[in-house]
Protein backbone atom coordinates (compact mmCIF):
# COMPACT_ATOMS: atom_id res chain seq x y z
CA MET A 1 104.90 74.37 82.94
CA SER A 2 108.10 76.37 82.56
CA THR A 3 110.27 75.76 85.92
CA SER A 4 114.06 76.09 85.82
CA SER A 5 117.47 75.17 84.11
CA ASN A 6 117.77 73.29 87.50
CA PRO A 7 115.39 72.98 90.09
CA THR A 8 115.75 72.29 93.40
CA ALA A 9 118.47 69.52 93.50
CA PRO A 10 119.09 66.54 95.84
CA PRO A 11 121.35 67.27 98.65
CA ARG A 12 125.07 66.64 98.02
CA GLY A 13 127.10 66.11 101.19
CA GLY A 14 124.82 67.83 103.18
CA THR A 15 124.79 70.86 100.79
CA VAL A 16 121.55 71.85 98.82
CA ARG A 17 121.77 73.73 95.81
CA SER A 18 118.54 75.82 94.74
CA LEU A 19 117.11 78.25 92.47
CA ILE A 20 114.22 78.81 94.65
CA PRO A 21 114.87 82.51 95.45
CA ALA A 22 115.42 83.66 91.66
CA ARG A 23 112.19 81.60 90.78
CA ILE A 24 110.32 83.63 93.30
CA ASP A 25 112.18 87.17 92.52
CA ARG A 26 111.26 86.04 88.79
CA LEU A 27 107.25 86.59 88.82
CA ALA A 28 105.40 88.91 87.92
CA TRP A 29 102.30 90.24 90.36
CA ALA A 30 99.89 87.61 89.73
CA PRO A 31 96.07 86.25 91.34
CA PHE A 32 98.10 83.84 93.98
CA HIS A 33 100.04 87.23 95.74
CA THR A 34 96.88 89.31 96.12
CA ARG A 35 95.42 86.26 97.88
CA MET A 36 98.18 85.97 99.81
CA VAL A 37 98.63 89.53 100.84
CA VAL A 38 94.67 89.76 101.54
CA ALA A 39 94.78 86.36 103.95
CA LEU A 40 98.18 87.72 105.79
CA GLY A 41 97.92 91.36 105.49
CA THR A 42 94.77 90.91 107.91
CA ALA A 43 97.10 91.15 110.99
CA TRP A 44 97.58 94.66 110.90
CA VAL A 45 93.92 95.23 109.91
CA LEU A 46 92.96 93.41 113.49
CA ASP A 47 95.32 95.12 115.62
CA GLY A 48 94.20 98.23 114.33
CA ILE A 49 90.70 97.36 115.31
CA GLU A 50 92.14 95.92 118.71
CA ILE A 51 93.86 99.20 119.99
CA THR A 52 90.81 101.53 119.01
CA ILE A 53 88.13 99.28 120.32
CA ALA A 54 90.13 99.06 123.71
CA GLY A 55 90.50 102.80 123.66
CA ALA A 56 87.33 103.22 123.23
CA ILE A 57 85.50 101.01 125.08
CA ALA A 58 87.82 101.96 128.19
CA ALA A 59 85.72 104.56 129.44
CA VAL A 60 82.83 102.65 129.18
CA LEU A 61 83.95 99.43 131.42
CA THR A 62 84.13 101.86 134.27
CA ASP A 63 80.24 102.26 134.16
CA ASN A 64 78.29 100.30 136.89
CA ALA A 65 75.94 99.28 133.87
CA THR A 66 79.30 97.22 132.78
CA LEU A 67 82.12 95.90 134.68
CA GLY A 68 82.47 98.84 137.19
CA MET A 69 86.34 99.08 136.95
CA SER A 70 88.32 101.50 138.49
CA THR A 71 90.60 103.64 136.09
CA THR A 72 93.27 102.60 137.14
CA GLN A 73 91.87 98.58 136.46
CA VAL A 74 90.82 99.90 133.02
CA GLY A 75 94.34 101.20 132.63
CA ALA A 76 96.12 97.89 133.15
CA ILE A 77 94.25 96.43 130.13
CA ALA A 78 96.20 98.08 127.78
CA THR A 79 99.28 97.46 129.82
CA VAL A 80 98.61 93.92 129.61
CA TYR A 81 97.88 93.61 126.58
CA LEU A 82 101.06 95.39 125.46
CA ILE A 83 102.79 92.69 127.73
CA GLY A 84 101.01 90.22 125.58
CA GLU A 85 102.19 91.44 122.38
CA VAL A 86 106.11 91.79 123.11
CA PHE A 87 105.60 88.12 125.01
CA GLY A 88 103.74 87.00 121.85
CA ALA A 89 106.49 88.15 119.56
CA LEU A 90 109.20 86.73 121.18
CA VAL A 91 107.84 83.24 121.79
CA PHE A 92 105.96 83.01 118.28
CA GLY A 93 109.41 84.95 116.12
CA HIS A 94 111.50 82.49 117.37
CA LEU A 95 108.88 79.43 116.93
CA SER A 96 108.64 80.67 113.31
CA ASP A 97 112.25 80.74 112.62
CA LYS A 98 111.93 76.82 114.02
CA LEU A 99 108.78 75.15 112.60
CA GLY A 100 107.84 77.65 109.36
CA ARG A 101 106.15 80.33 108.75
CA LYS A 102 102.75 78.81 107.67
CA ASN A 103 102.40 76.83 111.16
CA LEU A 104 102.90 80.24 113.08
CA PHE A 105 100.67 82.57 111.17
CA VAL A 106 97.97 79.83 111.27
CA VAL A 107 98.73 79.45 115.15
CA THR A 108 98.81 83.05 116.15
CA LEU A 109 95.75 83.84 114.17
CA GLY A 110 93.96 81.21 116.54
CA VAL A 111 95.68 82.36 119.78
CA TYR A 112 93.92 86.03 118.94
CA LEU A 113 90.82 84.62 117.85
CA LEU A 114 90.85 82.62 121.46
CA GLY A 115 91.50 85.67 123.53
CA ASN A 116 89.20 87.79 122.30
CA ALA A 117 86.14 85.67 122.06
CA LEU A 118 87.55 84.78 126.10
CA THR A 119 87.31 88.44 126.81
CA ALA A 120 83.70 89.18 125.50
CA LEU A 121 82.90 86.48 127.94
CA THR A 122 84.15 88.53 131.08
CA TRP A 123 81.52 88.69 133.91
CA ASP A 124 81.65 91.07 136.61
CA ASN A 125 83.98 93.04 138.72
CA THR A 126 85.11 90.29 141.03
CA ALA A 127 88.82 89.42 141.66
CA LEU A 128 88.32 86.02 139.59
CA ALA A 129 86.67 87.61 136.66
CA LEU A 130 89.36 90.75 136.45
CA GLY A 131 92.19 88.27 136.26
CA PHE A 132 90.25 86.04 133.61
CA LEU A 133 89.95 89.29 131.86
CA TYR A 134 93.45 90.48 131.86
CA ALA A 135 94.35 86.69 130.93
CA THR A 136 92.39 87.00 127.60
CA ARG A 137 93.98 90.28 126.89
CA PHE A 138 97.35 88.85 127.32
CA ILE A 139 96.11 86.03 124.94
CA ALA A 140 95.19 88.31 122.30
CA GLY A 141 98.71 90.63 122.84
CA ALA A 142 100.50 87.44 122.35
CA GLY A 143 98.72 86.39 119.26
CA ILE A 144 99.04 89.91 117.81
CA GLY A 145 102.96 89.74 118.42
CA GLY A 146 103.37 86.99 116.89
CA GLU A 147 101.51 87.63 113.73
CA TYR A 148 103.95 90.76 113.19
CA ALA A 149 106.65 88.16 113.09
CA ALA A 150 105.66 85.44 111.42
CA ILE A 151 103.61 87.33 109.03
CA ASN A 152 106.18 89.70 108.01
CA SER A 153 108.64 87.35 107.56
CA ALA A 154 106.18 84.85 104.62
CA ILE A 155 105.07 88.07 103.18
CA ASP A 156 109.14 89.49 102.53
CA GLU A 157 110.01 86.09 101.40
CA MET A 158 107.33 84.73 99.12
CA ILE A 159 106.86 88.49 97.30
CA PRO A 160 108.89 89.15 94.55
CA ALA A 161 111.73 91.22 94.97
CA ARG A 162 110.59 94.48 92.59
CA TYR A 163 107.67 94.68 94.51
CA ARG A 164 108.58 93.57 98.32
CA GLY A 165 108.77 97.31 99.64
CA ARG A 166 105.28 98.56 98.52
CA VAL A 167 103.67 95.42 99.63
CA ASP A 168 104.99 95.27 102.91
CA ILE A 169 104.69 99.28 103.15
CA ALA A 170 100.95 98.84 102.11
CA VAL A 171 100.25 96.14 104.31
CA ASN A 172 101.64 97.58 107.32
CA GLY A 173 99.89 100.65 106.43
CA THR A 174 96.46 98.68 106.61
CA TYR A 175 96.81 99.01 110.56
CA TRP A 176 94.86 102.38 109.96
CA ALA A 177 91.89 100.57 107.83
CA GLY A 178 90.92 99.02 111.29
CA ALA A 179 91.62 101.50 113.32
CA ILE A 180 88.69 103.34 110.70
CA LEU A 181 86.50 100.05 111.21
CA GLY A 182 87.27 100.43 115.26
CA THR A 183 86.23 104.20 115.43
CA LEU A 184 83.02 103.73 113.39
CA SER A 185 82.17 100.20 115.17
CA THR A 186 82.49 101.46 118.48
CA PHE A 187 80.90 104.79 117.78
CA VAL A 188 77.94 102.72 116.92
CA LEU A 189 77.86 99.85 119.63
CA LEU A 190 78.17 102.40 122.18
CA HIS A 191 75.39 104.83 121.12
CA GLN A 192 72.77 102.19 120.11
CA ILE A 193 72.86 99.11 121.52
CA ASP A 194 72.90 98.45 125.47
CA LEU A 195 76.52 99.22 126.81
CA ASN A 196 77.05 95.80 128.76
CA VAL A 197 76.46 93.95 125.20
CA GLY A 198 78.09 96.77 122.90
CA TRP A 199 81.29 96.62 124.24
CA ARG A 200 81.66 92.62 124.38
CA LEU A 201 80.43 92.85 120.41
CA GLY A 202 83.01 95.33 120.29
CA PHE A 203 85.70 92.62 121.10
CA LEU A 204 84.18 90.37 118.84
CA LEU A 205 84.47 92.48 115.40
CA GLY A 206 88.00 91.52 115.12
CA PRO A 207 87.58 87.92 115.52
CA ILE A 208 84.51 87.47 113.02
CA ILE A 209 87.45 88.87 110.40
CA GLY A 210 90.22 87.07 111.77
CA ALA A 211 87.62 83.46 111.25
CA LEU A 212 86.52 84.83 107.71
CA ILE A 213 90.46 84.43 106.18
CA TRP A 214 91.28 81.19 108.70
CA ASN A 215 90.60 78.87 105.75
CA LEU A 216 92.13 81.32 103.05
CA ARG A 217 95.86 81.20 104.84
CA ARG A 218 95.26 77.26 105.61
CA HIS A 219 95.35 76.71 101.95
CA LEU A 220 98.79 79.20 101.54
CA PRO A 221 101.94 77.06 101.04
CA GLU A 222 104.78 77.49 103.43
CA SER A 223 108.02 79.71 102.45
CA PRO A 224 109.89 77.95 99.80
CA ARG A 225 112.85 79.75 101.17
CA TRP A 226 112.53 78.54 104.58
CA LEU A 227 112.10 75.01 103.60
CA ILE A 228 115.14 75.48 101.80
CA MET A 229 117.15 76.69 104.68
CA HIS A 230 115.70 73.90 106.56
CA GLY A 231 116.65 71.18 104.52
CA ARG A 232 113.37 70.03 103.25
CA GLU A 233 114.50 70.44 99.31
CA GLN A 234 111.58 68.80 98.26
CA GLU A 235 108.62 70.15 99.90
CA ALA A 236 110.45 73.54 98.72
CA GLU A 237 110.15 72.36 94.82
CA GLU A 238 106.91 71.17 95.68
CA ASN A 239 105.83 74.34 97.29
CA ILE A 240 107.44 76.68 94.36
CA SER A 241 105.87 74.72 92.00
CA ILE A 242 102.25 75.26 93.19
CA ILE A 243 103.10 79.03 93.17
CA GLU A 244 104.50 78.86 89.78
CA ARG A 245 101.55 76.79 88.29
CA GLU A 246 99.06 79.17 90.10
CA VAL A 247 101.00 82.17 88.01
CA GLU A 248 101.21 80.48 84.70
CA SER A 249 97.65 80.23 84.99
CA SER A 250 96.95 83.86 85.07
CA GLY A 251 98.69 84.11 81.55
CA GLN A 252 102.10 84.47 82.21
CA ARG A 253 104.92 82.44 80.78
CA LEU A 254 107.59 81.92 82.60
CA ALA A 255 111.18 82.24 81.45
CA PRO A 256 114.12 79.59 82.41
CA VAL A 257 116.31 80.49 85.85
CA ASP A 258 120.06 80.49 84.96
CA ASP A 259 122.02 78.24 87.13
CA SER A 260 124.42 81.16 88.11
CA GLN A 261 121.78 82.38 90.08
CA ALA A 262 121.72 79.40 92.30
CA ILE A 263 122.60 79.35 95.97
CA ASP A 264 123.99 76.81 97.94
CA VAL A 265 122.82 76.15 101.40
CA LYS A 266 124.22 73.69 104.17
CA PRO A 267 121.39 73.29 106.55
CA GLY A 268 122.43 73.42 110.10
CA GLU A 269 120.61 73.59 113.74
CA ASP A 270 118.29 76.21 114.70
CA HIS A 271 119.46 79.25 115.30
CA GLY A 272 117.74 80.72 119.19
CA TYR A 273 118.30 84.29 120.42
CA PHE A 274 121.57 83.79 121.68
CA ALA A 275 122.81 83.14 118.04
CA LEU A 276 120.53 85.98 117.03
CA VAL A 277 122.60 88.57 119.53
CA LYS A 278 125.58 87.31 117.82
CA VAL A 279 125.01 87.97 114.59
CA LEU A 280 123.52 91.29 115.42
CA PHE A 281 126.20 92.99 117.01
CA SER A 282 128.95 90.87 115.14
CA ARG A 283 128.20 90.62 112.00
CA TYR A 284 125.43 93.38 111.25
CA PRO A 285 126.18 96.23 113.96
CA SER A 286 125.44 98.83 111.71
CA ARG A 287 122.56 97.01 110.76
CA SER A 288 121.06 96.49 114.31
CA ILE A 289 121.73 100.43 115.31
CA LEU A 290 119.60 101.31 112.21
CA SER A 291 116.88 98.65 112.86
CA ALA A 292 116.63 100.15 116.46
CA SER A 293 116.89 103.51 115.72
CA LEU A 294 113.78 103.27 113.16
CA MET A 295 111.77 101.37 115.32
CA ILE A 296 111.72 103.17 118.22
CA THR A 297 111.85 106.73 117.11
CA GLN A 298 108.52 106.03 114.75
CA SER A 299 106.82 104.12 117.99
CA PHE A 300 107.47 107.14 120.32
CA LEU A 301 106.26 109.45 118.02
CA TYR A 302 103.11 107.56 117.51
CA ASN A 303 102.12 106.20 120.68
CA ALA A 304 102.84 109.85 121.95
CA ILE A 305 100.37 111.30 119.56
CA PHE A 306 98.21 108.64 118.93
CA PHE A 307 96.84 107.96 122.09
CA THR A 308 96.96 111.46 123.67
CA TYR A 309 95.28 112.84 120.49
CA THR A 310 91.62 113.05 122.20
CA LEU A 311 93.30 114.88 125.35
CA VAL A 312 94.51 117.39 123.14
CA LEU A 313 91.11 117.97 121.62
CA THR A 314 89.22 118.63 124.53
CA LYS A 315 91.59 120.02 126.70
CA PHE A 316 93.15 122.56 124.27
CA TYR A 317 90.00 123.38 121.55
CA GLY A 318 87.01 122.64 123.93
CA VAL A 319 86.11 119.29 121.66
CA SER A 320 83.54 117.74 123.54
CA SER A 321 84.32 113.54 124.31
CA SER A 322 81.69 112.18 122.18
CA ASP A 323 82.45 114.16 119.02
CA ALA A 324 86.52 113.51 119.49
CA PRO A 325 86.28 109.81 118.26
CA LEU A 326 85.44 111.63 114.39
CA TYR A 327 88.43 113.43 114.09
CA LEU A 328 90.31 110.11 114.64
CA ILE A 329 88.99 109.00 111.36
CA ALA A 330 89.89 111.80 109.77
CA PHE A 331 93.69 111.53 111.45
CA CYS A 332 93.50 107.63 110.40
CA VAL A 333 92.84 108.34 107.00
CA GLY A 334 95.75 110.26 106.33
CA ASN A 335 98.13 107.57 107.91
CA LEU A 336 96.06 104.77 105.43
CA VAL A 337 96.85 106.92 102.32
CA GLY A 338 100.20 107.84 102.93
CA PRO A 339 101.79 104.13 102.63
CA LEU A 340 98.99 103.43 99.92
CA LEU A 341 100.28 105.78 97.73
CA LEU A 342 104.17 106.65 98.54
CA GLY A 343 104.81 102.73 98.54
CA ARG A 344 106.08 102.31 95.72
CA LEU A 345 108.47 104.82 95.42
CA PHE A 346 110.35 103.01 98.12
CA ASP A 347 111.13 100.39 95.29
CA THR A 348 111.74 102.92 92.53
CA ILE A 349 113.74 105.48 94.37
CA GLY A 350 115.17 103.74 96.53
CA ARG A 351 114.79 102.82 100.38
CA ARG A 352 117.24 105.04 101.86
CA LYS A 353 116.01 107.91 100.42
CA MET A 354 112.55 107.62 100.76
CA ILE A 355 112.61 106.04 104.46
CA ALA A 356 114.97 109.24 105.25
CA GLY A 357 112.82 111.71 103.60
CA THR A 358 109.46 110.55 105.38
CA TYR A 359 111.13 110.80 108.56
CA LEU A 360 113.11 113.99 108.24
CA LEU A 361 109.92 115.64 106.31
CA ALA A 362 107.57 114.45 109.07
CA GLY A 363 109.75 115.72 111.88
CA VAL A 364 110.07 119.28 110.29
CA LEU A 365 106.53 119.89 109.82
CA LEU A 366 105.71 118.15 113.20
CA ALA A 367 107.83 121.43 114.55
CA VAL A 368 106.04 123.83 112.56
CA THR A 369 102.95 122.70 113.81
CA ALA A 370 104.24 123.04 117.40
CA VAL A 371 105.13 126.51 116.54
CA LEU A 372 101.56 127.27 115.33
CA PHE A 373 100.12 125.43 118.08
CA LYS A 374 102.20 127.49 120.63
CA GLN A 375 101.01 131.04 119.23
CA GLY A 376 97.55 129.98 119.24
CA SER A 377 96.93 129.34 115.32
CA LEU A 378 95.26 126.57 114.73
CA ASN A 379 91.70 125.19 116.37
CA ALA A 380 90.34 121.57 116.29
CA PHE A 381 89.91 121.38 112.31
CA THR A 382 93.51 122.90 111.74
CA GLN A 383 95.29 121.06 113.85
CA THR A 384 93.89 117.39 112.84
CA VAL A 385 94.75 118.50 108.90
CA ALA A 386 98.20 119.09 110.32
CA TRP A 387 98.61 115.60 111.79
CA CYS A 388 96.65 114.24 108.72
CA VAL A 389 99.77 115.88 106.57
CA ILE A 390 102.13 114.81 109.15
CA PHE A 391 101.67 111.81 109.61
CA PHE A 392 101.22 110.87 106.02
CA PHE A 393 104.73 110.68 105.52
CA ALA A 394 105.21 109.22 108.98
CA SER A 395 102.95 106.37 108.44
CA ALA A 396 104.88 105.47 105.32
CA GLY A 397 107.96 105.99 107.04
CA ALA A 398 106.91 104.00 110.07
CA SER A 399 106.11 100.94 108.11
CA ALA A 400 109.28 101.31 106.03
CA ALA A 401 110.94 100.74 109.50
CA TYR A 402 109.15 97.43 109.69
CA LEU A 403 110.23 96.40 106.25
CA THR A 404 113.65 97.65 107.12
CA VAL A 405 113.99 94.76 109.89
CA SER A 406 112.14 92.02 107.84
CA GLU A 407 114.94 92.33 105.02
CA ILE A 408 117.60 93.34 105.86
CA PHE A 409 118.85 89.97 107.95
CA PRO A 410 119.09 86.41 107.31
CA LEU A 411 116.13 84.52 106.93
CA GLU A 412 117.25 81.55 109.69
CA VAL A 413 116.69 84.64 112.50
CA ARG A 414 114.56 86.73 110.20
CA ALA A 415 111.27 86.20 112.64
CA LYS A 416 113.10 86.60 115.81
CA ALA A 417 114.95 89.82 114.84
CA ILE A 418 111.30 91.58 113.88
CA ALA A 419 110.72 90.35 117.26
CA VAL A 420 113.25 91.65 119.22
CA PHE A 421 113.12 95.00 117.17
CA PHE A 422 109.54 95.04 118.22
CA ALA A 423 109.30 94.40 121.50
CA ILE A 424 112.38 97.37 122.07
CA ALA A 425 109.93 99.74 119.92
CA GLN A 426 107.08 98.67 122.07
CA CYS A 427 108.77 99.41 125.47
CA PHE A 428 110.20 102.50 124.41
CA GLY A 429 106.82 103.15 122.82
CA ALA A 430 105.30 103.24 125.84
CA ILE A 431 107.07 105.83 127.44
CA GLY A 432 105.47 108.46 125.34
CA PRO A 433 101.48 108.55 126.40
CA VAL A 434 102.79 108.90 130.21
CA PHE A 435 105.13 111.96 128.87
CA TYR A 436 102.85 113.61 126.59
CA GLY A 437 99.69 113.01 128.95
CA ALA A 438 101.53 114.84 131.67
CA LEU A 439 102.45 117.54 129.32
CA ILE A 440 98.95 118.40 128.44
CA GLY A 441 98.11 118.46 132.00
CA ASP A 442 94.75 120.25 132.54
CA GLY A 443 95.50 121.79 129.08
CA SER A 444 96.20 125.58 130.78
CA ASP A 445 99.78 125.67 129.92
CA PRO A 446 100.53 125.14 126.13
CA THR A 447 104.47 125.92 126.43
CA LYS A 448 105.03 122.33 127.89
CA LEU A 449 103.29 120.78 124.71
CA PHE A 450 104.96 122.80 122.47
CA VAL A 451 108.06 121.47 123.68
CA GLY A 452 106.94 118.06 123.58
CA TYR A 453 105.97 118.30 119.87
CA LEU A 454 109.70 119.45 119.68
CA ILE A 455 111.02 116.36 121.28
CA GLY A 456 109.02 114.18 118.93
CA ALA A 457 109.93 116.15 116.07
CA GLY A 458 113.72 116.33 117.17
CA VAL A 459 113.50 112.14 117.62
CA MET A 460 111.98 111.35 114.08
CA VAL A 461 115.02 113.95 112.57
CA VAL A 462 117.44 111.40 114.71
CA GLY A 463 115.67 108.62 112.88
CA GLY A 464 116.02 110.70 109.26
CA LEU A 465 119.57 110.93 110.13
CA VAL A 466 120.33 107.59 111.05
CA GLU A 467 118.66 106.02 107.70
CA VAL A 468 120.97 108.58 105.57
CA PHE A 469 124.26 107.36 107.08
CA LEU A 470 123.44 103.91 107.68
CA GLY A 471 120.23 102.83 105.35
CA VAL A 472 120.56 99.61 103.20
CA ASP A 473 120.24 100.09 99.38
CA ALA A 474 117.53 96.91 99.51
CA GLU A 475 115.43 97.70 96.68
CA GLY A 476 114.93 95.19 93.93
CA GLN A 477 117.32 93.12 95.35
CA SER A 478 116.58 89.36 96.52
CA LEU A 479 116.80 88.98 100.04
CA GLU A 480 120.08 86.99 99.88
CA SER A 481 121.78 89.30 98.05
CA VAL A 482 120.85 91.93 100.71
CA ALA A 483 121.76 89.62 103.77
CA ALA A 484 123.33 85.80 102.63
CA PRO A 485 121.56 83.02 104.63
CA LEU A 486 123.60 81.98 107.77
CA SER A 487 124.09 78.04 105.84
CA ALA A 488 124.89 79.71 102.61
CA VAL A 489 127.93 77.85 101.22
CA ALA A 490 129.28 79.26 98.40
CA HIS A 491 126.89 82.50 97.32
CA ARG A 492 127.37 86.09 96.92
CA PRO A 493 129.63 87.86 99.35
CA ARG A 494 127.82 88.28 102.24
CA ALA A 495 126.73 91.82 103.65
CA THR A 496 128.90 93.25 106.93
CA GLY A 497 127.42 96.69 107.34
């Protein structure tokens, strides 16, 4: 096997000298990378299934044939799940940086599977049963929140630099494949099967998919980059060798890596959230503003439109509640296709141009659609087409927001940084559905929603402008060049922007 001119060397005076980052980035795409993306990328598919099924089943749970819950009790299910996501992202994000990517992307999947499986066992509408239901939704949410932090870190650290953007964006975009699957599944489960059985089977759909990829995840190697930063150089060498052997078995010939590309690190203690705050605001203030802006703006717009689209269709366009989910499928297709078709451009044209462009274009198109809506020029079909076009671009931009957060901070705090900005985005995003729901009202006054759409457009434009001025040109660069590890001893100059 062709390795490098100087593989990971033994520690000298506590310092580890390694070519592992350069060895990862020199690899061409191979079946190993495909298997890793399939095993880890399902996190977003599961979340898409989860959110869609929970939304579709909400009304069913008020039926006396199921749990007979009140609308307030049903509404609390989504709130508890959201709180669980934030909690899981923060807790498991910290553990991912401390204990390793592999340990956590196996654990978080298990937590999600457990939470959903238990949800299906909720028995009736007693105080004890409702407490059990909310606890299981919290557990499922915690698992998915943890997935975002652990898996984004693992994918970025093991995907070669020239593919990192398109892969991360495409993986994040598969949320909408889950939404399509969830919509189609609930349409069958809630119309062809007894309601009290159908809603339970709906919550088991995600765990079935998760169980199928459980074993695939277990056999993935730990991130060699993470191992190096924690002084486990022998394990790092073993893991990168496994990856290289798999790549070579596909017919690739690996060229040696020059020693000038080596990185020297001195593994230190674990960095907690206090250390993260110091890093964010003292060393990377502009990157912190950028990350918060991109995550908050996309979350606000998505939650505002996605969670109220059926209200718009039913209140303003007279679409029946039973037919409204069919329009969602078209909406989801636009969101799915955008990242898949545009993702490559984030690696070739560049991060700053593409992120700013997708945010700004989505904002402008939403403003144009708002005017057409106010004039009464749209119907249910053309409104859905407009949303598809808007979110074709917005979806790619939103996926790139997650990519940005996961690649512009040091490895030692990467998962925690993702967790923090994910939590912030979720909190601000929760405002959207309530705000837009109030604007929609009974559908008698389109002017209020027109103003709301203009606000949403303005929010996306703000995100795009922040990217123009503060964006990081990370395309094609190693993670260590974008953000030097906190433990780096002798390396390229550290970024401070």
